[in-house]
Amino acid sequence: MNSDNSQNKIVTRFAPSPTGYLHIGGARTALFNYLFAKRNGGKFLLRIEDTDRERSTEQAVDAILYGLDWLGLNADEEPVFQFERANRHAEIAHELVKQGKAFKCFMTEEEINAQREIAMSEGRALRSLWRDKDGNGDGKYVVRLRAPDDEAQIVIDDKVQGKVTTKGRNIDDLVLLRSDGTPTYMLAVVVDDYDMGITHIIRGDDHLTNAARQSVIIDAMGWQRPIYAHIPLIHGDDGKKLSKRHGALAVGEYENFGYLPEAMLSYLLRLGWSKGDLDIVPIEEAIQLFDLEGLGKSPSRLDFAKLAQVNSHFIKIADDKRLLELTLKFAPSKNLQFDDNQKQKILDAIPFIKERAKTIIELIDLTEFAWRTSPILINEKAQKQIENDENNIIDEAIKSLKEVVDWNGDNIKEVIHKIAENKGLGLGKVGPIIRAAVTGGLIAPDIHITLALIGKNETLVRLEAARK
């Protein structure tokens, strides 16, 4: 692991805690870090912050890795697991004690509570009774950082929030090592970022207060601070903090809803970043354009209507065979199983209906006219159209379509035009009745394309069934 933080190469990181799944806010953070690294020819790294042993789970780790892989946000090196580096974190804490920048604190729980009350009454952070003492006390101890003097100023020149100043009196004597010798989150993050050579930290603005505390540790070690960019959190459509009610779901759930990963990336990019009048930006273009200057200061709002619009765009331009494969994955959830003939019909139909689809799941419904085998269900509206066939359009269609040798859209279209001409009717009186008979009221493309996709035999079977 590189411990030289002075290198010129930009290195970013995504550092989730495996106490839950990868949610949309975390995915956006990962995306921004990924884009900034790639835009500048740097490295994007992943760190699993699993020091909370009670809440960290292997399932959550797997879900995080799966979500990042699904989105294509792959780290340039193997992930770092924070818990495995506990000895290194403790080493730094003891080094700070040697330098007099940290100290052993033997305060009891009662003393801590008393000092905390005093600190609150004086409008400052906690100060330990042991910060200016030498020697050892009795019993267990924690290692605390010696906080800056009350009037000192810790200045963070944040790329999003601007200059953020914190007074020393608001920084407590941070615990670096607990009484059992295990490192705290605040210490572990600083040491890991340094050892990983992290140059830029892009994360949620709920970590802004941590930046000041972590900077004190960094300064105490004489290390170079990373450049910070704290981004506003994502809110729901009502402007309130994002919750499950709004859609703060695991990234895997969005996959299950039928969204494409490239659509999720493009949508997440616009939740907090902008450049000119750009709207839907594919990842390849985003890598060329992303910069910290485009990050906004105001919280973004999760908008499912906009997400559906973006997803629809990417479905339209997606490869048809890929769409088929994705569509087939959803078949079991609808208790469907397609044979090879039906799969081919779906594939043939996709180019004609994918412009209407907002999700992959919708492709199953939109291609049903083609893959459904007789007998088909006929809805009430279609049944009325069939019953009102006073011009015997269905009979004429059966007779004429049987004669078509080369079954394709152009020949079918010609036959339907001739039926209308022979009956002295407009196409608007002919096509809807044939459509009702062969689709049962399902959404379908133009009638000649629909019949071509259904196939000659199936078309005639459906027409015959409608006539009975």
Protein backbone atom coordinates (compact mmCIF):
# COMPACT_ATOMS: atom_id res chain seq x y z
CA MET A 1 0.00 0.00 0.00
CA ASN A 2 1.36 3.36 -1.00
CA SER A 3 1.98 5.71 1.91
CA ASP A 4 3.34 8.58 -0.16
CA ASN A 5 0.51 11.10 -0.20
CA SER A 6 2.56 13.65 -2.13
CA GLN A 7 2.28 11.90 -5.46
CA ASN A 8 0.83 13.87 -8.33
CA LYS A 9 -1.58 11.15 -9.42
CA ILE A 10 -5.14 11.72 -8.28
CA VAL A 11 -6.53 8.93 -6.10
CA THR A 12 -10.13 8.83 -4.86
CA ARG A 13 -11.98 6.29 -2.78
CA PHE A 14 -15.43 5.05 -1.93
CA ALA A 15 -15.63 3.87 1.67
CA PRO A 16 -18.98 2.29 2.58
CA SER A 17 -19.77 0.63 5.88
CA PRO A 18 -21.13 -2.91 5.40
CA THR A 19 -23.91 -2.40 7.92
CA GLY A 20 -26.48 -2.20 5.14
CA TYR A 21 -26.79 -2.40 1.39
CA LEU A 22 -25.47 0.00 -1.25
CA HIS A 23 -28.11 2.70 -1.43
CA ILE A 24 -28.66 5.33 -4.09
CA GLY A 25 -26.78 8.01 -2.12
CA GLY A 26 -23.75 5.79 -1.73
CA ALA A 27 -23.91 4.84 -5.40
CA ARG A 28 -23.82 8.53 -6.34
CA THR A 29 -20.80 9.11 -4.06
CA ALA A 30 -19.03 6.17 -5.68
CA LEU A 31 -19.88 7.52 -9.14
CA PHE A 32 -18.51 11.00 -8.44
CA ASN A 33 -15.26 9.57 -7.05
CA TYR A 34 -14.97 7.17 -9.99
CA LEU A 35 -15.56 9.92 -12.57
CA PHE A 36 -13.13 12.36 -10.99
CA ALA A 37 -10.38 9.74 -10.89
CA LYS A 38 -10.98 8.61 -14.48
CA ARG A 39 -11.30 12.17 -15.78
CA ASN A 40 -7.84 12.93 -14.40
CA GLY A 41 -6.12 9.66 -15.26
CA GLY A 42 -6.04 8.66 -11.60
CA LYS A 43 -7.12 5.70 -9.50
CA PHE A 44 -10.47 4.87 -7.92
CA LEU A 45 -10.18 2.71 -4.81
CA LEU A 46 -12.64 0.89 -2.57
CA ARG A 47 -12.42 0.58 1.21
CA ILE A 48 -14.87 -1.45 3.27
CA GLU A 49 -15.14 0.26 6.65
CA ASP A 50 -16.04 -2.80 8.68
CA THR A 51 -14.79 -1.78 12.11
CA ASP A 52 -18.33 -2.02 13.55
CA ARG A 53 -18.11 -5.77 14.04
CA GLU A 54 -21.58 -6.13 15.55
CA ARG A 55 -23.39 -4.56 12.61
CA SER A 56 -21.08 -5.42 9.70
CA THR A 57 -22.23 -8.45 7.70
CA GLU A 58 -20.82 -10.52 4.87
CA GLN A 59 -24.15 -10.20 3.09
CA ALA A 60 -23.83 -6.42 3.10
CA VAL A 61 -20.28 -6.63 1.75
CA ASP A 62 -21.48 -8.90 -1.06
CA ALA A 63 -24.37 -6.56 -1.83
CA ILE A 64 -22.06 -3.53 -1.99
CA LEU A 65 -19.65 -5.33 -4.30
CA TYR A 66 -22.50 -6.58 -6.48
CA GLY A 67 -24.07 -3.13 -6.71
CA LEU A 68 -20.80 -1.50 -7.75
CA ASP A 69 -20.16 -4.25 -10.27
CA TRP A 70 -23.67 -3.90 -11.72
CA LEU A 71 -23.10 -0.16 -12.14
CA GLY A 72 -19.66 -0.77 -13.65
CA LEU A 73 -17.92 1.26 -10.95
CA ASN A 74 -15.05 -1.15 -10.50
CA ALA A 75 -12.13 -0.19 -8.29
CA ASP A 76 -8.62 -0.19 -9.75
CA GLU A 77 -7.28 -2.34 -6.91
CA GLU A 78 -8.60 -5.01 -4.57
CA PRO A 79 -10.78 -3.57 -1.78
CA VAL A 80 -9.17 -2.63 1.51
CA PHE A 81 -10.92 -3.98 4.62
CA GLN A 82 -10.47 -1.52 7.44
CA PHE A 83 -10.76 -3.99 10.31
CA GLU A 84 -7.74 -5.93 9.05
CA ARG A 85 -5.59 -2.80 9.51
CA ALA A 86 -6.29 -2.28 13.22
CA ASN A 87 -2.65 -2.80 14.19
CA ARG A 88 -1.54 -0.09 11.78
CA HIS A 89 -4.12 2.32 13.20
CA ALA A 90 -2.97 1.60 16.75
CA GLU A 91 0.64 2.15 15.69
CA ILE A 92 -0.18 5.72 14.62
CA ALA A 93 -2.03 6.40 17.86
CA HIS A 94 0.98 5.34 19.90
CA GLU A 95 3.24 7.44 17.68
CA LEU A 96 1.09 10.48 18.48
CA VAL A 97 1.43 9.71 22.19
CA LYS A 98 5.22 9.62 21.81
CA GLN A 99 5.11 13.01 20.11
CA GLY A 100 2.95 14.46 22.87
CA LYS A 101 0.11 15.09 20.46
CA ALA A 102 -2.05 12.40 22.04
CA PHE A 103 -2.25 11.09 25.60
CA LYS A 104 -3.52 8.29 27.76
CA CYS A 105 -6.78 9.18 29.47
CA PHE A 106 -7.77 7.32 32.64
CA MET A 107 -11.02 9.22 33.30
CA THR A 108 -13.84 7.16 34.75
CA GLU A 109 -17.31 7.18 33.27
CA GLU A 110 -18.45 9.47 36.09
CA GLU A 111 -15.62 11.91 35.40
CA ILE A 112 -16.35 11.91 31.68
CA ASN A 113 -20.01 12.71 32.30
CA ALA A 114 -19.09 15.49 34.70
CA GLN A 115 -16.59 17.04 32.29
CA ARG A 116 -19.11 16.77 29.47
CA GLU A 117 -21.68 18.72 31.49
CA ILE A 118 -19.11 21.41 32.26
CA ALA A 119 -18.13 21.61 28.59
CA MET A 120 -21.77 21.98 27.53
CA SER A 121 -22.37 24.73 30.08
CA GLU A 122 -19.34 26.60 28.75
CA GLY A 123 -20.29 26.08 25.10
CA ARG A 124 -17.25 24.07 24.14
CA ALA A 125 -16.23 20.50 23.39
CA LEU A 126 -15.06 17.95 25.94
CA ARG A 127 -11.60 18.31 27.44
CA SER A 128 -9.96 15.47 29.34
CA LEU A 129 -8.59 15.88 32.85
CA TRP A 130 -5.49 14.02 31.64
CA ARG A 131 -4.57 16.17 28.64
CA ASP A 132 -1.90 18.07 30.58
CA LYS A 133 -0.78 15.27 32.89
CA ASP A 134 2.29 13.11 32.60
CA GLY A 135 2.56 9.54 33.77
CA ASN A 136 0.09 6.74 34.12
CA GLY A 137 -3.08 6.33 36.10
CA ASP A 138 -4.80 3.29 37.44
CA GLY A 139 -6.99 0.91 35.49
CA LYS A 140 -8.01 0.99 31.88
CA TYR A 141 -7.35 3.95 29.66
CA VAL A 142 -8.18 5.28 26.21
CA VAL A 143 -5.82 7.19 23.96
CA ARG A 144 -7.11 10.67 23.13
CA LEU A 145 -5.92 13.25 20.64
CA ARG A 146 -4.87 16.53 22.19
CA ALA A 147 -7.37 18.93 20.65
CA PRO A 148 -6.26 22.37 19.42
CA ASP A 149 -6.40 25.36 21.73
CA ASP A 150 -9.79 26.99 22.11
CA GLU A 151 -8.99 29.94 19.86
CA ALA A 152 -7.27 27.92 17.14
CA GLN A 153 -9.02 27.72 13.80
CA ILE A 154 -9.28 24.64 11.63
CA VAL A 155 -9.99 25.78 8.07
CA ILE A 156 -11.28 23.39 5.41
CA ASP A 157 -11.16 24.82 1.90
CA ASP A 158 -13.96 22.65 0.55
CA LYS A 159 -14.49 22.45 -3.21
CA VAL A 160 -18.27 22.51 -2.80
CA GLN A 161 -18.97 24.22 0.52
CA GLY A 162 -16.23 26.85 0.21
CA LYS A 163 -14.12 27.85 3.22
CA VAL A 164 -15.42 26.16 6.37
CA THR A 165 -13.88 27.26 9.67
CA THR A 166 -14.14 25.36 12.95
CA LYS A 167 -12.83 26.77 16.22
CA GLY A 168 -10.56 24.61 18.36
CA ARG A 169 -13.02 24.91 21.26
CA ASN A 170 -15.48 22.88 19.20
CA ILE A 171 -13.09 19.97 18.73
CA ASP A 172 -13.04 17.53 21.65
CA ASP A 173 -10.14 15.43 22.83
CA LEU A 174 -10.99 12.68 20.40
CA VAL A 175 -10.69 9.07 21.42
CA LEU A 176 -8.20 7.39 19.07
CA LEU A 177 -7.93 4.03 20.81
CA ARG A 178 -10.66 2.55 22.98
CA SER A 179 -9.90 0.94 26.33
CA ASP A 180 -9.62 -2.46 24.65
CA GLY A 181 -6.98 -1.10 22.28
CA THR A 182 -9.18 -1.02 19.19
CA PRO A 183 -9.03 2.08 16.97
CA THR A 184 -11.96 4.42 16.48
CA TYR A 185 -13.50 5.26 13.13
CA MET A 186 -12.03 8.75 13.11
CA LEU A 187 -8.45 7.47 13.45
CA ALA A 188 -8.89 4.54 11.07
CA VAL A 189 -10.22 6.74 8.28
CA VAL A 190 -7.31 9.16 8.48
CA VAL A 191 -4.65 6.44 8.55
CA ASP A 192 -6.27 4.47 5.72
CA ASP A 193 -6.66 7.54 3.53
CA TYR A 194 -2.99 8.38 4.04
CA ASP A 195 -1.73 4.87 3.42
CA MET A 196 -3.93 4.49 0.34
CA GLY A 197 -2.54 7.76 -1.05
CA ILE A 198 -5.99 9.38 -1.25
CA THR A 199 -5.67 12.88 -2.71
CA HIS A 200 -9.36 13.84 -3.01
CA ILE A 201 -12.30 12.91 -0.80
CA ILE A 202 -15.75 13.36 -2.32
CA ARG A 203 -18.47 12.41 0.15
CA GLY A 204 -21.79 13.50 1.65
CA ASP A 205 -21.93 16.77 3.56
CA ASP A 206 -23.03 14.83 6.64
CA HIS A 207 -19.28 14.19 6.99
CA LEU A 208 -18.37 17.89 6.92
CA THR A 209 -17.93 18.09 10.69
CA ASN A 210 -15.72 15.00 10.52
CA ALA A 211 -13.40 16.80 8.11
CA ALA A 212 -12.31 19.26 10.79
CA ARG A 213 -11.70 16.51 13.36
CA GLN A 214 -9.84 14.34 10.87
CA SER A 215 -7.75 17.29 9.75
CA VAL A 216 -6.52 17.76 13.32
CA ILE A 217 -5.23 14.17 13.31
CA ILE A 218 -3.70 14.65 9.85
CA ASP A 219 -1.96 17.86 10.93
CA ALA A 220 -0.70 16.22 14.11
CA MET A 221 1.05 13.57 12.01
CA GLY A 222 2.44 16.20 9.66
CA TRP A 223 0.70 14.64 6.69
CA GLN A 224 -0.70 16.46 3.69
CA ARG A 225 -4.43 16.93 3.85
CA PRO A 226 -6.55 15.52 1.04
CA ILE A 227 -8.74 17.91 -0.93
CA TYR A 228 -12.34 17.75 0.27
CA ALA A 229 -15.60 18.07 -1.65
CA HIS A 230 -18.66 17.55 0.53
CA ILE A 231 -21.79 17.11 -1.54
CA PRO A 232 -25.36 17.79 -0.33
CA LEU A 233 -27.40 14.69 0.38
CA ILE A 234 -30.21 13.49 -1.88
CA HIS A 235 -33.71 14.38 -0.71
CA GLY A 236 -37.10 12.96 -1.54
CA ASP A 237 -39.50 14.68 -3.93
CA ASP A 238 -41.01 16.48 -0.93
CA GLY A 239 -37.67 18.04 -0.04
CA LYS A 240 -37.23 15.94 3.10
CA LYS A 241 -34.33 13.67 3.95
CA LEU A 242 -34.34 10.60 1.76
CA SER A 243 -35.93 7.53 3.32
CA LYS A 244 -37.19 4.16 2.12
CA ARG A 245 -40.54 5.84 1.58
CA HIS A 246 -38.92 8.07 -1.05
CA GLY A 247 -36.87 5.35 -2.71
CA ALA A 248 -33.74 5.09 -0.56
CA LEU A 249 -33.49 1.47 -1.60
CA ALA A 250 -30.60 -0.86 -2.26
CA VAL A 251 -29.16 -0.43 -5.74
CA GLY A 252 -30.13 -4.04 -6.41
CA GLU A 253 -33.77 -3.06 -6.04
CA TYR A 254 -33.48 -0.62 -8.92
CA GLU A 255 -32.14 -3.48 -11.03
CA ASN A 256 -35.16 -5.52 -9.97
CA PHE A 257 -37.44 -2.68 -11.02
CA GLY A 258 -36.07 -2.97 -14.55
CA TYR A 259 -33.68 -0.03 -14.72
CA LEU A 260 -30.50 -0.25 -16.80
CA PRO A 261 -27.19 0.41 -15.03
CA GLU A 262 -26.18 3.02 -17.61
CA ALA A 263 -29.47 4.83 -16.98
CA MET A 264 -28.87 4.80 -13.23
CA LEU A 265 -25.39 6.26 -13.73
CA SER A 266 -26.66 9.00 -16.02
CA TYR A 267 -29.48 9.87 -13.64
CA LEU A 268 -27.24 9.85 -10.55
CA LEU A 269 -24.76 12.12 -12.32
CA ARG A 270 -27.41 14.80 -12.64
CA LEU A 271 -28.36 14.51 -8.97
CA GLY A 272 -25.89 17.11 -7.81
CA TRP A 273 -23.73 17.81 -10.87
CA SER A 274 -24.40 19.91 -13.92
CA LYS A 275 -22.61 21.41 -16.88
CA GLY A 276 -24.33 23.86 -19.20
CA ASP A 277 -27.59 22.51 -20.56
CA LEU A 278 -26.49 18.88 -20.64
CA ASP A 279 -29.26 16.51 -19.63
CA ILE A 280 -28.79 12.81 -20.32
CA VAL A 281 -25.06 12.05 -20.29
CA PRO A 282 -23.68 8.54 -20.93
CA ILE A 283 -20.82 7.40 -18.70
CA GLU A 284 -18.23 7.63 -21.50
CA GLU A 285 -19.04 11.30 -22.00
CA ALA A 286 -19.25 11.94 -18.26
CA ILE A 287 -15.67 10.71 -17.83
CA GLN A 288 -14.56 13.40 -20.28
CA LEU A 289 -16.57 16.18 -18.64
CA PHE A 290 -16.76 15.62 -14.89
CA ASP A 291 -15.25 18.26 -12.65
CA LEU A 292 -15.68 19.39 -9.06
CA GLU A 293 -16.79 22.83 -10.19
CA GLY A 294 -20.01 21.32 -11.51
CA LEU A 295 -21.05 20.02 -8.08
CA GLY A 296 -24.00 21.95 -6.64
CA LYS A 297 -24.50 23.27 -3.12
CA SER A 298 -28.21 22.49 -2.90
CA PRO A 299 -29.71 19.06 -2.13
CA SER A 300 -31.00 17.15 -5.14
CA ARG A 301 -34.45 15.56 -5.23
CA LEU A 302 -35.08 11.99 -6.26
CA ASP A 303 -37.56 12.06 -9.14
CA PHE A 304 -38.80 8.69 -10.39
CA ALA A 305 -40.51 10.28 -13.39
CA LYS A 306 -37.16 11.68 -14.53
CA LEU A 307 -35.45 8.36 -13.82
CA ALA A 308 -38.03 6.60 -15.99
CA GLN A 309 -37.41 9.11 -18.78
CA VAL A 310 -33.66 8.52 -18.62
CA ASN A 311 -34.15 4.77 -18.52
CA SER A 312 -36.45 4.95 -21.53
CA HIS A 313 -33.74 6.79 -23.45
CA PHE A 314 -31.16 4.11 -22.77
CA ILE A 315 -33.59 1.29 -23.58
CA LYS A 316 -34.18 2.87 -26.99
CA ILE A 317 -30.48 2.80 -27.85
CA ALA A 318 -29.65 -0.52 -26.19
CA ASP A 319 -28.67 -3.61 -28.18
CA ASP A 320 -31.74 -5.73 -28.91
CA LYS A 321 -30.11 -9.05 -27.98
CA ARG A 322 -29.01 -7.58 -24.67
CA LEU A 323 -32.55 -6.38 -24.04
CA LEU A 324 -33.83 -9.88 -24.76
CA GLU A 325 -31.42 -11.40 -22.23
CA LEU A 326 -32.45 -8.86 -19.60
CA THR A 327 -36.14 -9.37 -20.38
CA LEU A 328 -35.85 -13.15 -19.97
CA LYS A 329 -34.43 -12.64 -16.47
CA PHE A 330 -37.77 -11.18 -15.40
CA ALA A 331 -39.88 -14.00 -16.90
CA PRO A 332 -39.82 -16.17 -13.73
CA SER A 333 -41.08 -13.25 -11.62
CA LYS A 334 -44.16 -13.23 -13.84
CA ASN A 335 -44.44 -17.03 -13.76
CA LEU A 336 -43.52 -17.20 -17.41
CA GLN A 337 -41.24 -19.54 -19.27
CA PHE A 338 -40.49 -18.98 -22.94
CA ASP A 339 -39.53 -21.57 -25.52
CA ASP A 340 -37.06 -20.82 -28.30
CA ASN A 341 -39.82 -19.77 -30.69
CA GLN A 342 -41.23 -17.29 -28.20
CA LYS A 343 -37.76 -15.92 -27.43
CA GLN A 344 -37.26 -15.28 -31.14
CA LYS A 345 -40.60 -13.50 -31.34
CA ILE A 346 -39.65 -11.26 -28.43
CA LEU A 347 -36.32 -10.47 -30.08
CA ASP A 348 -38.04 -9.68 -33.39
CA ALA A 349 -40.59 -7.46 -31.66
CA ILE A 350 -38.19 -5.46 -29.48
CA PRO A 351 -37.04 -3.03 -32.21
CA PHE A 352 -40.64 -2.02 -32.85
CA ILE A 353 -41.79 -1.53 -29.26
CA LYS A 354 -38.75 -0.57 -27.18
CA GLU A 355 -39.39 3.13 -27.69
CA ARG A 356 -42.50 2.74 -25.54
CA ALA A 357 -40.77 0.99 -22.64
CA LYS A 358 -39.72 2.80 -19.48
CA THR A 359 -38.36 -0.34 -17.79
CA ILE A 360 -37.11 -3.76 -18.86
CA ILE A 361 -40.10 -5.36 -17.15
CA GLU A 362 -42.41 -3.46 -19.50
CA LEU A 363 -40.77 -5.18 -22.48
CA ILE A 364 -42.46 -8.44 -21.45
CA ASP A 365 -45.88 -6.80 -21.53
CA LEU A 366 -45.19 -4.83 -24.70
CA THR A 367 -44.10 -7.95 -26.60
CA GLU A 368 -46.96 -10.12 -25.33
CA PHE A 369 -48.91 -9.68 -28.57
CA ALA A 370 -46.09 -11.57 -30.29
CA TRP A 371 -45.10 -14.29 -27.82
CA ARG A 372 -48.58 -15.16 -26.53
CA THR A 373 -49.91 -18.40 -28.02
CA SER A 374 -53.56 -19.19 -28.73
CA PRO A 375 -56.02 -19.04 -27.23
CA ILE A 376 -55.46 -15.39 -26.34
CA LEU A 377 -57.52 -13.33 -23.94
CA ILE A 378 -59.64 -10.65 -25.56
CA ASN A 379 -60.50 -7.59 -23.52
CA GLU A 380 -63.92 -5.97 -23.47
CA LYS A 381 -63.12 -3.21 -25.94
CA ALA A 382 -61.60 -5.61 -28.47
CA GLN A 383 -64.54 -8.00 -28.08
CA LYS A 384 -66.98 -5.22 -28.95
CA GLN A 385 -64.97 -4.35 -32.06
CA ILE A 386 -65.06 -7.98 -33.15
CA GLU A 387 -68.79 -8.26 -32.51
CA ASN A 388 -69.43 -5.11 -34.55
CA ASP A 389 -67.68 -6.53 -37.61
CA GLU A 390 -70.70 -5.93 -39.82
CA ASN A 391 -68.51 -5.78 -42.94
CA ASN A 392 -67.08 -9.25 -42.34
CA ILE A 393 -63.54 -7.87 -42.20
CA ILE A 394 -62.28 -10.90 -40.25
CA ASP A 395 -63.61 -13.36 -42.84
CA GLU A 396 -62.04 -11.37 -45.65
CA ALA A 397 -58.76 -11.14 -43.75
CA ILE A 398 -58.62 -14.93 -43.26
CA LYS A 399 -59.32 -15.54 -46.93
CA SER A 400 -56.81 -12.99 -48.23
CA LEU A 401 -54.01 -13.63 -45.76
CA LYS A 402 -54.07 -17.37 -46.48
CA GLU A 403 -52.95 -16.51 -49.99
CA VAL A 404 -49.83 -14.65 -48.85
CA VAL A 405 -46.81 -16.77 -49.70
CA ASP A 406 -43.98 -14.49 -48.62
CA TRP A 407 -45.09 -13.45 -45.13
CA ASN A 408 -43.61 -10.00 -44.51
CA GLY A 409 -44.80 -6.57 -43.54
CA ASP A 410 -44.95 -5.13 -47.04
CA ASN A 411 -47.06 -7.97 -48.46
CA ILE A 412 -49.37 -7.96 -45.45
CA LYS A 413 -49.80 -4.19 -45.75
CA GLU A 414 -50.75 -4.59 -49.39
CA VAL A 415 -53.38 -7.20 -48.52
CA ILE A 416 -54.95 -5.02 -45.83
CA HIS A 417 -55.12 -2.09 -48.27
CA LYS A 418 -56.88 -4.32 -50.82
CA ILE A 419 -59.41 -5.46 -48.22
CA ALA A 420 -60.24 -1.85 -47.44
CA GLU A 421 -60.45 -1.02 -51.14
CA ASN A 422 -62.70 -4.00 -51.92
CA LYS A 423 -64.99 -3.13 -49.03
CA GLY A 424 -65.05 0.54 -49.91
CA LEU A 425 -63.81 1.37 -46.44
CA GLY A 426 -61.02 3.47 -44.99
CA LEU A 427 -58.11 1.72 -43.30
CA GLY A 428 -59.43 3.10 -40.01
CA LYS A 429 -62.42 0.76 -40.35
CA VAL A 430 -60.38 -2.30 -41.28
CA GLY A 431 -57.16 -2.31 -39.29
CA PRO A 432 -58.67 -1.96 -35.78
CA ILE A 433 -60.92 -5.00 -36.24
CA ILE A 434 -58.05 -7.20 -37.42
CA ARG A 435 -55.91 -5.82 -34.59
CA ALA A 436 -58.63 -6.62 -32.04
CA ALA A 437 -58.85 -10.19 -33.28
CA VAL A 438 -55.14 -10.96 -33.32
CA THR A 439 -54.00 -9.03 -30.22
CA GLY A 440 -57.09 -9.18 -28.02
CA GLY A 441 -56.54 -5.52 -27.23
CA LEU A 442 -52.86 -5.74 -26.33
CA ILE A 443 -50.53 -2.89 -27.24
CA ALA A 444 -48.85 -3.61 -30.57
CA PRO A 445 -47.09 -1.84 -33.47
CA ASP A 446 -48.71 -1.01 -36.82
CA ILE A 447 -51.02 -3.80 -37.91
CA HIS A 448 -48.90 -5.07 -40.81
CA ILE A 449 -45.82 -5.23 -38.56
CA THR A 450 -47.86 -6.91 -35.83
CA LEU A 451 -49.07 -9.66 -38.14
CA ALA A 452 -45.58 -10.17 -39.54
CA LEU A 453 -44.22 -10.63 -36.03
CA ILE A 454 -46.99 -12.95 -34.90
CA GLY A 455 -46.46 -15.21 -37.91
CA LYS A 456 -48.83 -16.54 -40.53
CA ASN A 457 -50.09 -19.66 -38.77
CA GLU A 458 -50.65 -17.94 -35.42
CA THR A 459 -52.35 -14.98 -37.14
CA LEU A 460 -54.81 -17.28 -38.94
CA VAL A 461 -55.48 -19.28 -35.77
CA ARG A 462 -56.33 -16.09 -33.87
CA LEU A 463 -58.53 -14.79 -36.66
CA GLU A 464 -60.40 -18.10 -36.84
CA ALA A 465 -60.87 -18.12 -33.08
CA ALA A 466 -62.28 -14.57 -33.14
CA ARG A 467 -64.80 -15.51 -35.81
CA LYS A 468 -66.33 -18.28 -33.68
